[in-house]
Amino acid sequence: MSGTIVKVSGPLIVAEGMADVQMYDVVRVSEKHLIGEVIELRGDKASIQVYEETAGLGPGEPVESTGFPLSVELAPGLIEGIFDGIQRPLDVIYEQFGDRITRGISVPKLNREKKWKFDPSVGVGDKVIGGDIIGTVQETPAVLHKIMLPADVKGTVEWVFAGEATITDIIYKIRDEEGKIAEYPMLQIWPVRRSRPYLEKLAPEEPMFTG
């Protein structure tokens, strides 16, 4: 889905021809591919918050919708990383492009190449529901990263991996109640505007000291 800029006001732009986009969809603005988010829809016009410098933009430039909401990537590697507000990995950008972030830059949020030692916590035939711990990764000496089943999934463990894998490698398979088998990696992508589900909120018993 593509549209055209009709107005630029600081970090806010208005584009027309955007009738098919959804609220909070991520868009790429102009030939520079600046990152933006749809924050209002009126007819075929979309108001877009641009999360990068908009100097030099003007009416007539293209806007392309990605079709996906602004999301965060959840997987091993998150704790050790240094990110900006839209989860761009600043350490990776520095290594590849130097100490100035070029507008429109696009790199994976989390490392797709690094392998992590995955230790399964379930076995074949186990019944699982969303939020169950499938396995763990010792991400840092202090942080044990728990790989959980996605919130909307339940079924029976059909296969589970043990050993080193990247965050995009398939590490387990689940058979649902209809007999369909789905494959899952360690990586989960979660829209930032959607609250994480929970069964119960526990009241704190003592303060958390952060130093």
C-alpha atoms as a PDB file:
ATOM      1  CA  MET A   1       0.000   0.000   0.000  1.00  0.00           C
ATOM      2  CA  SER A   2       1.490   3.321  -1.043  1.00  0.00           C
ATOM      3  CA  GLY A   3       0.477   6.964  -0.781  1.00  0.00           C
ATOM      4  CA  THR A   4       1.817  10.460  -1.297  1.00  0.00           C
ATOM      5  CA  ILE A   5       2.842  13.155   1.161  1.00  0.00           C
ATOM      6  CA  VAL A   6       0.567  16.213   1.106  1.00  0.00           C
ATOM      7  CA  LYS A   7       1.783  17.993   4.244  1.00  0.00           C
ATOM      8  CA  VAL A   8       4.880  18.091   6.441  1.00  0.00           C
ATOM      9  CA  SER A   9       4.855  19.697   9.893  1.00  0.00           C
ATOM     10  CA  GLY A  10       7.968  18.811  11.844  1.00  0.00           C
ATOM     11  CA  PRO A  11       7.925  15.108  12.696  1.00  0.00           C
ATOM     12  CA  LEU A  12       4.260  14.834  11.620  1.00  0.00           C
ATOM     13  CA  ILE A  13       3.332  14.243   7.992  1.00  0.00           C
ATOM     14  CA  VAL A  14       0.011  13.722   6.248  1.00  0.00           C
ATOM     15  CA  ALA A  15      -0.231  11.362   3.279  1.00  0.00           C
ATOM     16  CA  GLU A  16      -3.168  10.683   0.960  1.00  0.00           C
ATOM     17  CA  GLY A  17      -4.048   7.475  -0.863  1.00  0.00           C
ATOM     18  CA  MET A  18      -3.700   5.508   2.387  1.00  0.00           C
ATOM     19  CA  ALA A  19      -7.266   4.209   2.767  1.00  0.00           C
ATOM     20  CA  ASP A  20      -6.202   0.576   3.160  1.00  0.00           C
ATOM     21  CA  VAL A  21      -3.641   1.041   5.940  1.00  0.00           C
ATOM     22  CA  GLN A  22      -4.371   0.240   9.584  1.00  0.00           C
ATOM     23  CA  MET A  23      -3.861   2.328  12.701  1.00  0.00           C
ATOM     24  CA  TYR A  24      -0.322   1.970  14.065  1.00  0.00           C
ATOM     25  CA  ASP A  25       1.029   0.396  10.872  1.00  0.00           C
ATOM     26  CA  VAL A  26       4.693   1.098  10.252  1.00  0.00           C
ATOM     27  CA  VAL A  27       5.417   3.010   7.040  1.00  0.00           C
ATOM     28  CA  ARG A  28       8.535   3.975   5.129  1.00  0.00           C
ATOM     29  CA  VAL A  29       8.525   7.639   4.192  1.00  0.00           C
ATOM     30  CA  SER A  30      10.091   9.067   0.990  1.00  0.00           C
ATOM     31  CA  GLU A  31      12.966   7.574  -0.993  1.00  0.00           C
ATOM     32  CA  LYS A  32      15.028   7.827   2.200  1.00  0.00           C
ATOM     33  CA  HIS A  33      12.821   5.118   3.775  1.00  0.00           C
ATOM     34  CA  LEU A  34      12.347   6.981   7.054  1.00  0.00           C
ATOM     35  CA  ILE A  35      10.504   5.022   9.743  1.00  0.00           C
ATOM     36  CA  GLY A  36       7.026   6.293  10.636  1.00  0.00           C
ATOM     37  CA  GLU A  37       3.857   5.104  12.349  1.00  0.00           C
ATOM     38  CA  VAL A  38       0.236   5.795  11.415  1.00  0.00           C
ATOM     39  CA  ILE A  39      -1.409   7.629  14.326  1.00  0.00           C
ATOM     40  CA  GLU A  40      -4.653   8.870  12.737  1.00  0.00           C
ATOM     41  CA  LEU A  41      -6.846   7.938   9.768  1.00  0.00           C
ATOM     42  CA  ARG A  42      -9.378  10.229   8.079  1.00  0.00           C
ATOM     43  CA  GLY A  43     -10.780   8.917   4.829  1.00  0.00           C
ATOM     44  CA  ASP A  44      -7.844   8.124   2.591  1.00  0.00           C
ATOM     45  CA  LYS A  45      -5.518  10.444   4.519  1.00  0.00           C
ATOM     46  CA  ALA A  46      -3.167   9.192   7.222  1.00  0.00           C
ATOM     47  CA  SER A  47      -1.345  11.251   9.819  1.00  0.00           C
ATOM     48  CA  ILE A  48       2.075   9.733  10.378  1.00  0.00           C
ATOM     49  CA  GLN A  49       4.539  10.230  13.211  1.00  0.00           C
ATOM     50  CA  VAL A  50       8.040  10.013  11.751  1.00  0.00           C
ATOM     51  CA  TYR A  51      10.704   8.760  14.139  1.00  0.00           C
ATOM     52  CA  GLU A  52      13.603  10.277  12.201  1.00  0.00           C
ATOM     53  CA  GLU A  53      14.624  13.756  11.060  1.00  0.00           C
ATOM     54  CA  THR A  54      12.169  15.031   8.414  1.00  0.00           C
ATOM     55  CA  ALA A  55      14.256  17.945   7.105  1.00  0.00           C
ATOM     56  CA  GLY A  56      14.050  18.101   3.324  1.00  0.00           C
ATOM     57  CA  LEU A  57      10.783  16.199   2.999  1.00  0.00           C
ATOM     58  CA  GLY A  58       8.021  17.779   0.933  1.00  0.00           C
ATOM     59  CA  PRO A  59       4.660  17.131  -0.736  1.00  0.00           C
ATOM     60  CA  GLY A  60       4.634  14.597  -3.552  1.00  0.00           C
ATOM     61  CA  GLU A  61       7.101  12.158  -2.003  1.00  0.00           C
ATOM     62  CA  PRO A  62       6.009   8.510  -1.594  1.00  0.00           C
ATOM     63  CA  VAL A  63       4.909   6.707   1.553  1.00  0.00           C
ATOM     64  CA  GLU A  64       4.956   2.886   1.614  1.00  0.00           C
ATOM     65  CA  SER A  65       3.109   0.824   4.223  1.00  0.00           C
ATOM     66  CA  THR A  66       4.805  -2.290   5.575  1.00  0.00           C
ATOM     67  CA  GLY A  67       1.456  -3.774   6.587  1.00  0.00           C
ATOM     68  CA  PHE A  68       2.756  -4.501  10.090  1.00  0.00           C
ATOM     69  CA  PRO A  69       2.437  -2.626  13.391  1.00  0.00           C
ATOM     70  CA  LEU A  70       5.413  -1.184  15.254  1.00  0.00           C
ATOM     71  CA  SER A  71       6.764  -4.222  17.084  1.00  0.00           C
ATOM     72  CA  VAL A  72       9.540  -5.373  19.353  1.00  0.00           C
ATOM     73  CA  GLU A  73      11.610  -8.506  18.824  1.00  0.00           C
ATOM     74  CA  LEU A  74      11.835 -10.758  21.874  1.00  0.00           C
ATOM     75  CA  ALA A  75      14.611 -13.361  21.976  1.00  0.00           C
ATOM     76  CA  PRO A  76      18.051 -14.036  23.427  1.00  0.00           C
ATOM     77  CA  GLY A  77      20.353 -11.103  22.641  1.00  0.00           C
ATOM     78  CA  LEU A  78      17.903  -8.487  23.876  1.00  0.00           C
ATOM     79  CA  ILE A  79      19.476  -8.089  27.327  1.00  0.00           C
ATOM     80  CA  GLU A  80      23.019  -7.580  26.018  1.00  0.00           C
ATOM     81  CA  GLY A  81      22.047  -5.107  23.288  1.00  0.00           C
ATOM     82  CA  ILE A  82      22.030  -1.302  23.213  1.00  0.00           C
ATOM     83  CA  PHE A  83      18.992   0.065  21.375  1.00  0.00           C
ATOM     84  CA  ASP A  84      17.292   3.322  20.536  1.00  0.00           C
ATOM     85  CA  GLY A  85      13.573   3.944  21.081  1.00  0.00           C
ATOM     86  CA  ILE A  86      12.472   1.868  18.086  1.00  0.00           C
ATOM     87  CA  GLN A  87      14.851  -1.014  18.887  1.00  0.00           C
ATOM     88  CA  ARG A  88      17.529  -0.223  16.359  1.00  0.00           C
ATOM     89  CA  PRO A  89      20.756  -1.830  17.666  1.00  0.00           C
ATOM     90  CA  LEU A  90      23.090   1.129  18.187  1.00  0.00           C
ATOM     91  CA  ASP A  91      26.203  -0.997  18.696  1.00  0.00           C
ATOM     92  CA  VAL A  92      25.632  -2.788  15.375  1.00  0.00           C
ATOM     93  CA  ILE A  93      24.927   0.483  13.558  1.00  0.00           C
ATOM     94  CA  TYR A  94      28.124   1.978  14.986  1.00  0.00           C
ATOM     95  CA  GLU A  95      30.187  -0.993  13.801  1.00  0.00           C
ATOM     96  CA  GLN A  96      28.721  -0.874  10.291  1.00  0.00           C
ATOM     97  CA  PHE A  97      28.165   2.829   9.651  1.00  0.00           C
ATOM     98  CA  GLY A  98      30.204   4.802  12.177  1.00  0.00           C
ATOM     99  CA  ASP A  99      29.148   7.152  14.960  1.00  0.00           C
ATOM    100  CA  ARG A 100      26.380   8.933  13.026  1.00  0.00           C
ATOM    101  CA  ILE A 101      23.078   7.214  12.316  1.00  0.00           C
ATOM    102  CA  THR A 102      22.167   7.674   8.665  1.00  0.00           C
ATOM    103  CA  ARG A 103      18.484   8.413   8.031  1.00  0.00           C
ATOM    104  CA  GLY A 104      16.486   5.434   6.817  1.00  0.00           C
ATOM    105  CA  ILE A 105      19.019   2.929   8.081  1.00  0.00           C
ATOM    106  CA  SER A 106      17.672  -0.618   8.383  1.00  0.00           C
ATOM    107  CA  VAL A 107      19.413  -3.476  10.199  1.00  0.00           C
ATOM    108  CA  PRO A 108      18.025  -6.523  12.058  1.00  0.00           C
ATOM    109  CA  LYS A 109      16.990  -5.659  15.602  1.00  0.00           C
ATOM    110  CA  LEU A 110      18.513  -8.832  17.027  1.00  0.00           C
ATOM    111  CA  ASN A 111      21.459 -10.910  15.834  1.00  0.00           C
ATOM    112  CA  ARG A 112      20.302 -13.633  13.424  1.00  0.00           C
ATOM    113  CA  GLU A 113      23.723 -15.309  13.202  1.00  0.00           C
ATOM    114  CA  LYS A 114      24.750 -15.862  16.827  1.00  0.00           C
ATOM    115  CA  LYS A 115      24.007 -19.299  18.242  1.00  0.00           C
ATOM    116  CA  TRP A 116      22.641 -19.837  21.743  1.00  0.00           C
ATOM    117  CA  LYS A 117      22.584 -23.046  23.786  1.00  0.00           C
ATOM    118  CA  PHE A 118      18.934 -24.018  24.144  1.00  0.00           C
ATOM    119  CA  ASP A 119      17.987 -26.391  26.984  1.00  0.00           C
ATOM    120  CA  PRO A 120      14.453 -27.792  26.614  1.00  0.00           C
ATOM    121  CA  SER A 121      12.129 -27.856  29.607  1.00  0.00           C
ATOM    122  CA  VAL A 122       9.443 -30.016  27.947  1.00  0.00           C
ATOM    123  CA  GLY A 123       9.423 -33.356  26.167  1.00  0.00           C
ATOM    124  CA  VAL A 124       7.589 -34.911  23.253  1.00  0.00           C
ATOM    125  CA  GLY A 125       3.982 -35.616  24.198  1.00  0.00           C
ATOM    126  CA  ASP A 126       3.732 -32.903  26.851  1.00  0.00           C
ATOM    127  CA  LYS A 127       0.561 -30.782  26.860  1.00  0.00           C
ATOM    128  CA  VAL A 128       1.347 -27.048  26.797  1.00  0.00           C
ATOM    129  CA  ILE A 129      -0.570 -23.761  26.749  1.00  0.00           C
ATOM    130  CA  GLY A 130       0.428 -20.167  26.066  1.00  0.00           C
ATOM    131  CA  GLY A 131       3.014 -18.905  28.532  1.00  0.00           C
ATOM    132  CA  ASP A 132       4.448 -22.331  29.367  1.00  0.00           C
ATOM    133  CA  ILE A 133       8.245 -22.454  29.432  1.00  0.00           C
ATOM    134  CA  ILE A 134       9.500 -24.517  26.487  1.00  0.00           C
ATOM    135  CA  GLY A 135      13.183 -24.145  27.371  1.00  0.00           C
ATOM    136  CA  THR A 136      15.861 -21.793  28.597  1.00  0.00           C
ATOM    137  CA  VAL A 137      18.960 -19.995  27.355  1.00  0.00           C
ATOM    138  CA  GLN A 138      21.660 -18.719  29.717  1.00  0.00           C
ATOM    139  CA  GLU A 139      21.837 -15.313  28.059  1.00  0.00           C
ATOM    140  CA  THR A 140      24.265 -13.764  30.544  1.00  0.00           C
ATOM    141  CA  PRO A 141      25.864 -15.095  33.751  1.00  0.00           C
ATOM    142  CA  ALA A 142      23.034 -13.398  35.658  1.00  0.00           C
ATOM    143  CA  VAL A 143      20.092 -13.754  33.243  1.00  0.00           C
ATOM    144  CA  LEU A 144      18.388 -17.051  32.419  1.00  0.00           C
ATOM    145  CA  HIS A 145      16.215 -16.326  29.385  1.00  0.00           C
ATOM    146  CA  LYS A 146      12.993 -18.372  29.410  1.00  0.00           C
ATOM    147  CA  ILE A 147      11.582 -19.276  26.001  1.00  0.00           C
ATOM    148  CA  MET A 148       7.800 -19.346  26.389  1.00  0.00           C
ATOM    149  CA  LEU A 149       5.041 -20.679  24.175  1.00  0.00           C
ATOM    150  CA  PRO A 150       3.222 -17.809  22.395  1.00  0.00           C
ATOM    151  CA  ALA A 151       0.175 -16.606  24.316  1.00  0.00           C
ATOM    152  CA  ASP A 152      -2.425 -17.768  21.778  1.00  0.00           C
ATOM    153  CA  VAL A 153      -1.035 -21.297  21.280  1.00  0.00           C
ATOM    154  CA  LYS A 154      -1.873 -24.578  22.989  1.00  0.00           C
ATOM    155  CA  GLY A 155      -1.430 -28.203  22.089  1.00  0.00           C
ATOM    156  CA  THR A 156       0.993 -31.105  22.362  1.00  0.00           C
ATOM    157  CA  VAL A 157       4.757 -31.021  21.901  1.00  0.00           C
ATOM    158  CA  GLU A 158       5.497 -32.906  18.681  1.00  0.00           C
ATOM    159  CA  TRP A 159       9.256 -32.277  18.595  1.00  0.00           C
ATOM    160  CA  VAL A 160      11.767 -30.251  20.582  1.00  0.00           C
ATOM    161  CA  PHE A 161      15.418 -29.395  19.926  1.00  0.00           C
ATOM    162  CA  ALA A 162      18.352 -29.388  22.322  1.00  0.00           C
ATOM    163  CA  GLY A 163      21.666 -27.697  21.568  1.00  0.00           C
ATOM    164  CA  GLU A 164      22.919 -24.565  19.851  1.00  0.00           C
ATOM    165  CA  ALA A 165      20.619 -22.626  17.549  1.00  0.00           C
ATOM    166  CA  THR A 166      20.056 -19.137  16.208  1.00  0.00           C
ATOM    167  CA  ILE A 167      16.951 -17.195  17.216  1.00  0.00           C
ATOM    168  CA  THR A 168      15.318 -17.957  13.844  1.00  0.00           C
ATOM    169  CA  ASP A 169      16.030 -21.703  13.813  1.00  0.00           C
ATOM    170  CA  ILE A 170      13.058 -23.964  14.519  1.00  0.00           C
ATOM    171  CA  ILE A 171      13.430 -25.352  18.047  1.00  0.00           C
ATOM    172  CA  TYR A 172      10.044 -26.964  18.714  1.00  0.00           C
ATOM    173  CA  LYS A 173       6.838 -28.077  17.015  1.00  0.00           C
ATOM    174  CA  ILE A 174       3.342 -28.051  18.483  1.00  0.00           C
ATOM    175  CA  ARG A 175       0.357 -30.123  17.358  1.00  0.00           C
ATOM    176  CA  ASP A 176      -2.907 -28.291  18.025  1.00  0.00           C
ATOM    177  CA  GLU A 177      -6.300 -29.791  18.891  1.00  0.00           C
ATOM    178  CA  GLU A 178      -7.159 -30.114  15.195  1.00  0.00           C
ATOM    179  CA  GLY A 179      -4.000 -32.092  14.483  1.00  0.00           C
ATOM    180  CA  LYS A 180      -2.179 -29.292  12.687  1.00  0.00           C
ATOM    181  CA  ILE A 181       1.543 -28.953  13.420  1.00  0.00           C
ATOM    182  CA  ALA A 182       3.178 -25.521  13.695  1.00  0.00           C
ATOM    183  CA  GLU A 183       6.886 -24.764  14.022  1.00  0.00           C
ATOM    184  CA  TYR A 184       8.374 -22.110  16.312  1.00  0.00           C
ATOM    185  CA  PRO A 185      11.775 -20.432  16.744  1.00  0.00           C
ATOM    186  CA  MET A 186      13.081 -18.651  19.843  1.00  0.00           C
ATOM    187  CA  LEU A 187      12.215 -15.285  18.266  1.00  0.00           C
ATOM    188  CA  GLN A 188       8.814 -13.754  18.989  1.00  0.00           C
ATOM    189  CA  ILE A 189       7.595 -10.466  17.501  1.00  0.00           C
ATOM    190  CA  TRP A 190       5.141  -8.483  19.631  1.00  0.00           C
ATOM    191  CA  PRO A 191       3.290  -5.240  18.708  1.00  0.00           C
ATOM    192  CA  VAL A 192       4.306  -2.502  21.152  1.00  0.00           C
ATOM    193  CA  ARG A 193       0.737  -1.159  21.415  1.00  0.00           C
ATOM    194  CA  ARG A 194      -0.652  -4.504  22.583  1.00  0.00           C
ATOM    195  CA  SER A 195      -0.423  -5.351  26.282  1.00  0.00           C
ATOM    196  CA  ARG A 196       1.205  -8.644  27.185  1.00  0.00           C
ATOM    197  CA  PRO A 197      -1.439 -11.099  28.478  1.00  0.00           C
ATOM    198  CA  TYR A 198      -1.382 -12.425  32.015  1.00  0.00           C
ATOM    199  CA  LEU A 199      -3.378 -14.801  34.210  1.00  0.00           C
ATOM    200  CA  GLU A 200      -2.918 -12.832  37.406  1.00  0.00           C
ATOM    201  CA  LYS A 201      -1.097  -9.708  38.516  1.00  0.00           C
ATOM    202  CA  LEU A 202       0.890 -10.224  41.696  1.00  0.00           C
ATOM    203  CA  ALA A 203       1.347  -7.339  44.103  1.00  0.00           C
ATOM    204  CA  PRO A 204       4.991  -6.599  44.967  1.00  0.00           C
ATOM    205  CA  GLU A 205       6.165  -7.612  48.415  1.00  0.00           C
ATOM    206  CA  GLU A 206       9.417  -5.649  48.429  1.00  0.00           C
ATOM    207  CA  PRO A 207      11.010  -2.918  46.304  1.00  0.00           C
ATOM    208  CA  MET A 208      13.341  -3.812  43.440  1.00  0.00           C
ATOM    209  CA  PHE A 209      16.751  -2.221  43.904  1.00  0.00           C
ATOM    210  CA  THR A 210      18.329  -1.233  40.604  1.00  0.00           C
ATOM    211  CA  GLY A 211      21.511   0.409  41.892  1.00  0.00           C
END
